[in-house]
Amino acid sequence: MSKVAINFKTDKELKEAFYRVVKEMHTTPTSLFNMFMSHTVQNRSITISLPKENTKMTEQEFYEMIDKSLESGLKPMSMEDLKALHQG
């Protein structure tokens, strides 16, 4: 599988805060974005729920956590749902 780079612009302070949180989670921005993109493609929705405490989490554990959240009744949110929350 060939790899490509994705570039996007964001607020400097947000990026710095994000990198601090990612480091606390013992992962990398690349790993986190790859997990996010894989989940979004597989489920055609965006569902994010991560613990606030410092924990080491493998990609498999991340997907298991998502599955448990969905099984417990957490509703996946589509882009339309997210836009409605943002606007409302």
Protein backbone atom coordinates (compact mmCIF):
# COMPACT_ATOMS: atom_id res chain seq x y z
CA MET A 1 0.00 0.00 0.00
CA SER A 2 1.51 3.32 -1.02
CA LYS A 3 1.53 6.23 1.41
CA VAL A 4 0.60 9.84 0.69
CA ALA A 5 0.83 13.04 2.73
CA ILE A 6 -2.20 15.13 3.64
CA ASN A 7 -1.69 18.81 4.44
CA PHE A 8 -4.24 21.18 5.94
CA LYS A 9 -4.26 24.48 7.78
CA THR A 10 -5.35 24.90 11.39
CA ASP A 11 -5.01 27.37 14.22
CA LYS A 12 -1.50 27.39 15.73
CA GLU A 13 -2.72 27.17 19.35
CA LEU A 14 -5.11 24.33 18.48
CA LYS A 15 -2.29 22.39 16.82
CA GLU A 16 -0.01 22.85 19.82
CA ALA A 17 -2.76 21.77 22.25
CA PHE A 18 -3.60 18.78 20.03
CA TYR A 19 0.03 17.64 19.93
CA ARG A 20 0.23 17.87 23.74
CA VAL A 21 -2.90 15.73 24.15
CA VAL A 22 -1.72 13.22 21.55
CA LYS A 23 1.62 12.91 23.36
CA GLU A 24 -0.20 12.32 26.68
CA MET A 25 -2.12 9.51 24.94
CA HIS A 26 1.19 7.88 23.92
CA THR A 27 0.36 7.95 20.23
CA THR A 28 1.16 10.14 17.23
CA PRO A 29 -0.95 12.54 15.18
CA THR A 30 -0.43 10.28 12.16
CA SER A 31 -1.72 7.19 14.00
CA LEU A 32 -4.69 9.09 15.38
CA PHE A 33 -5.68 10.54 12.00
CA ASN A 34 -5.29 7.12 10.33
CA MET A 35 -7.57 5.54 12.96
CA PHE A 36 -10.06 8.37 12.51
CA MET A 37 -10.07 8.06 8.72
CA SER A 38 -10.35 4.25 8.80
CA HIS A 39 -13.28 4.37 11.20
CA THR A 40 -15.02 7.09 9.17
CA VAL A 41 -14.68 5.12 5.92
CA GLN A 42 -15.76 1.80 7.48
CA ASN A 43 -18.79 3.25 9.27
CA ARG A 44 -19.62 6.20 7.05
CA SER A 45 -20.00 8.27 10.21
CA ILE A 46 -17.87 10.04 12.76
CA THR A 47 -17.82 8.67 16.29
CA ILE A 48 -15.15 9.83 18.70
CA SER A 49 -14.97 8.98 22.38
CA LEU A 50 -11.62 8.80 24.12
CA PRO A 51 -10.89 8.56 27.85
CA LYS A 52 -9.47 11.68 29.48
CA GLU A 53 -7.00 9.82 31.68
CA ASN A 54 -3.54 9.05 30.41
CA THR A 55 -3.70 5.57 28.96
CA LYS A 56 -1.78 3.69 26.33
CA MET A 57 -4.14 2.45 23.68
CA THR A 58 -3.41 0.27 20.70
CA GLU A 59 -5.32 0.69 17.46
CA GLN A 60 -7.17 -2.58 18.19
CA GLU A 61 -8.17 -1.30 21.66
CA PHE A 62 -9.39 1.93 20.04
CA TYR A 63 -11.68 0.00 17.69
CA GLU A 64 -12.89 -2.24 20.54
CA MET A 65 -13.76 0.87 22.56
CA ILE A 66 -15.74 2.25 19.62
CA ASP A 67 -17.59 -1.06 19.20
CA LYS A 68 -18.50 -1.15 22.91
CA SER A 69 -19.75 2.45 22.73
CA LEU A 70 -21.95 1.61 19.77
CA GLU A 71 -23.25 -1.56 21.47
CA SER A 72 -24.16 0.46 24.57
CA GLY A 73 -26.41 2.70 22.50
CA LEU A 74 -24.13 5.56 21.51
CA LYS A 75 -25.48 6.92 18.24
CA PRO A 76 -22.90 7.49 15.51
CA MET A 77 -23.04 11.05 14.18
CA SER A 78 -23.10 11.87 10.51
CA MET A 79 -21.60 15.05 9.10
CA GLU A 80 -25.13 16.50 8.98
CA ASP A 81 -25.55 15.77 12.72
CA LEU A 82 -22.26 17.49 13.50
CA LYS A 83 -23.16 20.52 11.37
CA ALA A 84 -26.55 20.79 13.11
CA LEU A 85 -24.85 20.73 16.52
CA HIS A 86 -22.38 23.38 15.43
CA GLN A 87 -25.10 25.65 14.04
CA GLY A 88 -27.59 25.14 16.82
